[in-house]
Amino acid sequence: MNTKSIEKIIRLIVKLGLFFAHCDGTYSAKERSFISHFIEKLADMGNIDDIKGVLGDSITKVYSLDEVVADTNDLLDDFQGNDRAAIKATLLGFAQQVINSDNNECKAELANLDAWWSKLI
């Protein structure tokens, strides 16, 4: 996988995390900690020289369902077959981890998860 694809995945994962963390109207300390810890782990991987530079100001924004659907489908366009299925499964697992990170699964989070998943290619 090339650096450009890795950067797209990193950006998307952060956007997904922020979307699902905010979609219930509360960005809890546990959700913030989970996302921050995840970003630190990405930086520790060493595949990208400057994770924070790659992310820019994306870690401070709130994203809409339409934005994360469009960005997810844009990323998925780069993959086929088993690779696409693996990326989708990874993204779904991450979204579920964010939703569960505050130990409070709410209807808005689950509804947005279903809406996001149903719109993926």
N, C-alpha and C. Protein backbone atom coordinates (compact mmCIF):
# COMPACT_ATOMS: atom_id res chain seq x y z
N MET A 1 0.86 -1.17 0.00
CA MET A 1 0.00 0.00 0.00
C MET A 1 0.90 1.23 0.00
N ASN A 2 0.58 2.19 -0.85
CA ASN A 2 1.43 3.37 -0.93
C ASN A 2 1.09 4.41 0.15
N THR A 3 1.97 5.37 0.31
CA THR A 3 1.83 6.39 1.36
C THR A 3 0.54 7.19 1.19
N LYS A 4 0.17 7.49 -0.05
CA LYS A 4 -1.06 8.26 -0.29
C LYS A 4 -2.28 7.50 0.22
N SER A 5 -2.35 6.20 -0.03
CA SER A 5 -3.47 5.39 0.46
C SER A 5 -3.49 5.33 1.98
N ILE A 6 -2.31 5.19 2.57
CA ILE A 6 -2.23 5.14 4.03
C ILE A 6 -2.73 6.46 4.63
N GLU A 7 -2.33 7.57 4.02
CA GLU A 7 -2.76 8.88 4.51
C GLU A 7 -4.28 9.04 4.39
N LYS A 8 -4.86 8.56 3.28
CA LYS A 8 -6.32 8.62 3.11
C LYS A 8 -7.02 7.81 4.19
N ILE A 9 -6.49 6.65 4.50
CA ILE A 9 -7.09 5.79 5.53
C ILE A 9 -7.00 6.48 6.89
N ILE A 10 -5.85 7.04 7.20
CA ILE A 10 -5.67 7.72 8.49
C ILE A 10 -6.65 8.88 8.62
N ARG A 11 -6.72 9.71 7.59
CA ARG A 11 -7.65 10.85 7.64
C ARG A 11 -9.09 10.38 7.83
N LEU A 12 -9.46 9.35 7.09
CA LEU A 12 -10.83 8.84 7.18
C LEU A 12 -11.12 8.27 8.56
N ILE A 13 -10.20 7.52 9.10
CA ILE A 13 -10.42 6.94 10.43
C ILE A 13 -10.63 8.03 11.47
N VAL A 14 -9.84 9.08 11.40
CA VAL A 14 -10.01 10.18 12.36
C VAL A 14 -11.36 10.85 12.14
N LYS A 15 -11.73 11.10 10.90
CA LYS A 15 -13.04 11.71 10.62
C LYS A 15 -14.18 10.82 11.13
N LEU A 16 -14.08 9.53 10.86
CA LEU A 16 -15.11 8.60 11.35
C LEU A 16 -15.20 8.64 12.87
N GLY A 17 -14.05 8.61 13.52
CA GLY A 17 -14.04 8.66 14.97
C GLY A 17 -14.71 9.91 15.50
N LEU A 18 -14.36 11.04 14.92
CA LEU A 18 -14.96 12.30 15.37
C LEU A 18 -16.45 12.36 15.05
N PHE A 19 -16.85 11.85 13.89
CA PHE A 19 -18.26 11.84 13.54
C PHE A 19 -19.05 11.02 14.55
N PHE A 20 -18.61 9.80 14.80
CA PHE A 20 -19.37 8.95 15.72
C PHE A 20 -19.28 9.42 17.16
N ALA A 21 -18.18 10.05 17.53
CA ALA A 21 -18.06 10.59 18.89
C ALA A 21 -19.02 11.77 19.11
N HIS A 22 -19.27 12.54 18.06
CA HIS A 22 -20.11 13.73 18.18
C HIS A 22 -21.58 13.47 17.86
N CYS A 23 -21.92 12.39 17.18
CA CYS A 23 -23.26 12.24 16.63
C CYS A 23 -24.36 12.10 17.67
N ASP A 24 -23.99 11.81 18.90
CA ASP A 24 -25.00 11.75 19.97
C ASP A 24 -25.14 13.08 20.69
N GLY A 25 -24.41 14.10 20.22
CA GLY A 25 -24.49 15.43 20.82
C GLY A 25 -23.51 15.65 21.96
N THR A 26 -22.77 14.61 22.34
CA THR A 26 -21.81 14.72 23.43
C THR A 26 -20.50 14.07 23.03
N TYR A 27 -19.44 14.86 23.06
CA TYR A 27 -18.10 14.34 22.80
C TYR A 27 -17.46 14.12 24.16
N SER A 28 -17.61 12.91 24.68
CA SER A 28 -17.20 12.63 26.05
C SER A 28 -15.69 12.56 26.20
N ALA A 29 -15.23 12.68 27.41
CA ALA A 29 -13.80 12.57 27.71
C ALA A 29 -13.27 11.19 27.31
N LYS A 30 -14.08 10.16 27.49
CA LYS A 30 -13.67 8.80 27.11
C LYS A 30 -13.51 8.68 25.60
N GLU A 31 -14.43 9.28 24.85
CA GLU A 31 -14.33 9.25 23.39
C GLU A 31 -13.10 10.03 22.93
N ARG A 32 -12.89 11.21 23.52
CA ARG A 32 -11.74 12.05 23.19
C ARG A 32 -10.44 11.28 23.48
N SER A 33 -10.40 10.61 24.62
CA SER A 33 -9.22 9.85 25.01
C SER A 33 -8.98 8.69 24.04
N PHE A 34 -10.05 7.99 23.66
CA PHE A 34 -9.92 6.87 22.73
C PHE A 34 -9.34 7.34 21.39
N ILE A 35 -9.87 8.43 20.86
CA ILE A 35 -9.39 8.93 19.56
C ILE A 35 -7.96 9.44 19.67
N SER A 36 -7.65 10.16 20.74
CA SER A 36 -6.28 10.65 20.94
C SER A 36 -5.30 9.49 21.05
N HIS A 37 -5.68 8.47 21.80
CA HIS A 37 -4.82 7.30 21.96
C HIS A 37 -4.62 6.61 20.61
N PHE A 38 -5.67 6.52 19.82
CA PHE A 38 -5.57 5.90 18.51
C PHE A 38 -4.61 6.67 17.62
N ILE A 39 -4.69 8.00 17.63
CA ILE A 39 -3.79 8.83 16.82
C ILE A 39 -2.35 8.63 17.28
N GLU A 40 -2.13 8.55 18.59
CA GLU A 40 -0.78 8.31 19.11
C GLU A 40 -0.25 6.96 18.61
N LYS A 41 -1.10 5.94 18.61
CA LYS A 41 -0.69 4.62 18.13
C LYS A 41 -0.32 4.67 16.65
N LEU A 42 -1.08 5.44 15.86
CA LEU A 42 -0.75 5.59 14.44
C LEU A 42 0.62 6.24 14.29
N ALA A 43 0.88 7.26 15.08
CA ALA A 43 2.16 7.95 15.02
C ALA A 43 3.31 7.01 15.39
N ASP A 44 3.06 6.11 16.34
CA ASP A 44 4.08 5.16 16.77
C ASP A 44 4.42 4.13 15.69
N MET A 45 3.51 3.92 14.75
CA MET A 45 3.74 2.94 13.69
C MET A 45 4.92 3.33 12.81
N GLY A 46 5.10 4.63 12.61
CA GLY A 46 6.24 5.09 11.86
C GLY A 46 6.10 5.05 10.35
N ASN A 47 4.94 4.68 9.82
CA ASN A 47 4.76 4.66 8.36
C ASN A 47 4.66 6.05 7.76
N ILE A 48 4.18 6.97 8.52
CA ILE A 48 4.04 8.35 8.07
C ILE A 48 4.90 9.21 8.98
N ASP A 49 5.75 10.05 8.38
CA ASP A 49 6.68 10.84 9.17
C ASP A 49 6.00 11.78 10.15
N ASP A 50 4.91 12.40 9.72
CA ASP A 50 4.29 13.42 10.57
C ASP A 50 2.78 13.22 10.58
N ILE A 51 2.30 12.35 11.47
CA ILE A 51 0.87 12.05 11.54
C ILE A 51 0.06 13.32 11.76
N LYS A 52 0.47 14.15 12.70
CA LYS A 52 -0.28 15.38 12.99
C LYS A 52 -0.31 16.29 11.76
N GLY A 53 0.77 16.31 11.00
CA GLY A 53 0.80 17.10 9.77
C GLY A 53 -0.15 16.56 8.72
N VAL A 54 -0.23 15.23 8.64
CA VAL A 54 -1.16 14.59 7.70
C VAL A 54 -2.59 14.93 8.08
N LEU A 55 -2.86 14.93 9.38
CA LEU A 55 -4.23 15.18 9.85
C LEU A 55 -4.61 16.65 9.79
N GLY A 56 -3.64 17.54 9.91
CA GLY A 56 -3.94 18.97 9.89
C GLY A 56 -4.96 19.33 10.94
N ASP A 57 -5.93 20.14 10.55
CA ASP A 57 -6.95 20.57 11.52
C ASP A 57 -8.15 19.62 11.56
N SER A 58 -8.04 18.45 10.89
CA SER A 58 -9.17 17.52 10.86
C SER A 58 -9.53 17.00 12.24
N ILE A 59 -8.59 17.05 13.19
CA ILE A 59 -8.86 16.52 14.53
C ILE A 59 -9.68 17.47 15.39
N THR A 60 -9.98 18.65 14.86
CA THR A 60 -10.77 19.62 15.65
C THR A 60 -12.13 19.89 15.03
N LYS A 61 -12.46 19.23 13.95
CA LYS A 61 -13.72 19.50 13.24
C LYS A 61 -14.81 18.50 13.63
N VAL A 62 -16.03 18.88 13.33
CA VAL A 62 -17.18 17.99 13.46
C VAL A 62 -17.64 17.69 12.03
N TYR A 63 -17.83 16.42 11.72
CA TYR A 63 -18.17 16.00 10.36
C TYR A 63 -19.61 15.53 10.27
N SER A 64 -20.18 15.67 9.08
CA SER A 64 -21.55 15.23 8.84
C SER A 64 -21.54 13.81 8.28
N LEU A 65 -22.71 13.18 8.34
CA LEU A 65 -22.87 11.85 7.77
C LEU A 65 -22.51 11.87 6.29
N ASP A 66 -22.99 12.87 5.56
CA ASP A 66 -22.70 12.95 4.13
C ASP A 66 -21.20 13.02 3.86
N GLU A 67 -20.47 13.77 4.69
CA GLU A 67 -19.02 13.89 4.51
C GLU A 67 -18.32 12.55 4.72
N VAL A 68 -18.68 11.86 5.80
CA VAL A 68 -17.99 10.59 6.07
C VAL A 68 -18.39 9.51 5.07
N VAL A 69 -19.62 9.54 4.58
CA VAL A 69 -20.03 8.59 3.53
C VAL A 69 -19.23 8.86 2.26
N ALA A 70 -19.16 10.13 1.86
CA ALA A 70 -18.43 10.48 0.64
C ALA A 70 -16.95 10.12 0.75
N ASP A 71 -16.35 10.44 1.89
CA ASP A 71 -14.93 10.13 2.07
C ASP A 71 -14.68 8.62 2.14
N THR A 72 -15.59 7.90 2.77
CA THR A 72 -15.44 6.44 2.84
C THR A 72 -15.54 5.83 1.45
N ASN A 73 -16.54 6.26 0.68
CA ASN A 73 -16.69 5.70 -0.67
C ASN A 73 -15.54 6.11 -1.57
N ASP A 74 -15.00 7.31 -1.38
CA ASP A 74 -13.82 7.74 -2.14
C ASP A 74 -12.64 6.81 -1.86
N LEU A 75 -12.45 6.48 -0.60
CA LEU A 75 -11.38 5.55 -0.24
C LEU A 75 -11.65 4.16 -0.81
N LEU A 76 -12.87 3.67 -0.66
CA LEU A 76 -13.20 2.33 -1.13
C LEU A 76 -13.04 2.18 -2.65
N ASP A 77 -13.20 3.29 -3.38
CA ASP A 77 -12.98 3.26 -4.83
C ASP A 77 -11.57 2.81 -5.20
N ASP A 78 -10.62 2.99 -4.26
CA ASP A 78 -9.22 2.64 -4.52
C ASP A 78 -8.94 1.15 -4.34
N PHE A 79 -9.95 0.39 -3.87
CA PHE A 79 -9.73 -1.02 -3.54
C PHE A 79 -10.78 -1.89 -4.21
N GLN A 80 -10.44 -3.16 -4.39
CA GLN A 80 -11.34 -4.12 -5.01
C GLN A 80 -11.40 -5.39 -4.17
N GLY A 81 -12.46 -6.17 -4.34
CA GLY A 81 -12.57 -7.51 -3.79
C GLY A 81 -12.27 -7.63 -2.30
N ASN A 82 -11.36 -8.56 -1.98
CA ASN A 82 -11.03 -8.83 -0.59
C ASN A 82 -10.40 -7.63 0.11
N ASP A 83 -9.62 -6.84 -0.62
CA ASP A 83 -9.01 -5.65 -0.01
C ASP A 83 -10.10 -4.66 0.41
N ARG A 84 -11.08 -4.45 -0.46
CA ARG A 84 -12.18 -3.54 -0.13
C ARG A 84 -12.96 -4.07 1.07
N ALA A 85 -13.26 -5.36 1.08
CA ALA A 85 -14.00 -5.96 2.19
C ALA A 85 -13.22 -5.82 3.50
N ALA A 86 -11.90 -5.98 3.45
CA ALA A 86 -11.08 -5.85 4.65
C ALA A 86 -11.07 -4.41 5.16
N ILE A 87 -10.98 -3.46 4.26
CA ILE A 87 -11.01 -2.05 4.65
C ILE A 87 -12.36 -1.72 5.29
N LYS A 88 -13.45 -2.17 4.66
CA LYS A 88 -14.78 -1.92 5.22
C LYS A 88 -14.93 -2.52 6.61
N ALA A 89 -14.47 -3.75 6.78
CA ALA A 89 -14.57 -4.41 8.08
C ALA A 89 -13.75 -3.67 9.14
N THR A 90 -12.59 -3.20 8.76
CA THR A 90 -11.74 -2.45 9.69
C THR A 90 -12.41 -1.14 10.09
N LEU A 91 -12.96 -0.43 9.12
CA LEU A 91 -13.64 0.84 9.41
C LEU A 91 -14.86 0.62 10.30
N LEU A 92 -15.63 -0.42 10.01
CA LEU A 92 -16.79 -0.74 10.83
C LEU A 92 -16.37 -1.05 12.27
N GLY A 93 -15.34 -1.86 12.41
CA GLY A 93 -14.85 -2.20 13.74
C GLY A 93 -14.39 -0.98 14.51
N PHE A 94 -13.70 -0.07 13.81
CA PHE A 94 -13.24 1.15 14.47
C PHE A 94 -14.43 2.00 14.91
N ALA A 95 -15.42 2.17 14.03
CA ALA A 95 -16.61 2.96 14.37
C ALA A 95 -17.30 2.37 15.60
N GLN A 96 -17.41 1.06 15.64
CA GLN A 96 -18.05 0.40 16.79
C GLN A 96 -17.23 0.62 18.07
N GLN A 97 -15.92 0.61 17.96
CA GLN A 97 -15.08 0.88 19.13
C GLN A 97 -15.27 2.30 19.65
N VAL A 98 -15.38 3.25 18.75
CA VAL A 98 -15.62 4.63 19.17
C VAL A 98 -16.97 4.73 19.88
N ILE A 99 -17.99 4.14 19.28
CA ILE A 99 -19.33 4.17 19.87
C ILE A 99 -19.33 3.55 21.26
N ASN A 100 -18.60 2.48 21.44
CA ASN A 100 -18.57 1.79 22.72
C ASN A 100 -17.55 2.35 23.71
N SER A 101 -16.72 3.29 23.27
CA SER A 101 -15.63 3.77 24.12
C SER A 101 -16.12 4.49 25.38
N ASP A 102 -17.32 5.06 25.33
CA ASP A 102 -17.84 5.75 26.51
C ASP A 102 -18.84 4.88 27.29
N ASN A 103 -18.92 3.61 26.91
CA ASN A 103 -19.83 2.66 27.57
C ASN A 103 -21.28 3.13 27.54
N ASN A 104 -21.64 3.86 26.48
CA ASN A 104 -22.99 4.40 26.39
C ASN A 104 -23.43 4.40 24.93
N GLU A 105 -23.88 3.25 24.44
CA GLU A 105 -24.41 3.14 23.09
C GLU A 105 -25.76 3.82 23.04
N CYS A 106 -25.87 4.87 22.26
CA CYS A 106 -27.17 5.54 22.20
C CYS A 106 -27.81 5.33 20.82
N LYS A 107 -29.10 5.63 20.75
CA LYS A 107 -29.85 5.39 19.52
C LYS A 107 -29.29 6.20 18.35
N ALA A 108 -28.86 7.44 18.61
CA ALA A 108 -28.33 8.29 17.54
C ALA A 108 -27.06 7.68 16.94
N GLU A 109 -26.20 7.14 17.80
CA GLU A 109 -24.96 6.53 17.31
C GLU A 109 -25.27 5.30 16.46
N LEU A 110 -26.16 4.46 16.94
CA LEU A 110 -26.50 3.25 16.20
C LEU A 110 -27.22 3.56 14.90
N ALA A 111 -28.10 4.56 14.92
CA ALA A 111 -28.81 4.97 13.70
C ALA A 111 -27.83 5.52 12.67
N ASN A 112 -26.86 6.32 13.13
CA ASN A 112 -25.86 6.85 12.21
C ASN A 112 -24.93 5.76 11.70
N LEU A 113 -24.62 4.79 12.54
CA LEU A 113 -23.80 3.68 12.09
C LEU A 113 -24.52 2.91 10.98
N ASP A 114 -25.79 2.63 11.18
CA ASP A 114 -26.58 1.93 10.16
C ASP A 114 -26.68 2.75 8.88
N ALA A 115 -26.90 4.06 9.03
CA ALA A 115 -27.03 4.93 7.86
C ALA A 115 -25.72 4.99 7.08
N TRP A 116 -24.61 5.14 7.79
CA TRP A 116 -23.30 5.18 7.14
C TRP A 116 -23.04 3.86 6.41
N TRP A 117 -23.22 2.75 7.09
CA TRP A 117 -22.93 1.43 6.53
C TRP A 117 -23.79 1.15 5.29
N SER A 118 -25.07 1.55 5.34
CA SER A 118 -25.98 1.26 4.24
C SER A 118 -25.66 2.06 2.98
N LYS A 119 -24.89 3.13 3.10
CA LYS A 119 -24.57 3.98 1.95
C LYS A 119 -23.21 3.69 1.35
N LEU A 120 -22.51 2.70 1.88
CA LEU A 120 -21.18 2.38 1.35
C LEU A 120 -21.28 1.54 0.10
N ILE A 121 -20.32 1.74 -0.78
CA ILE A 121 -20.28 0.97 -2.04
C ILE A 121 -19.69 -0.41 -1.80
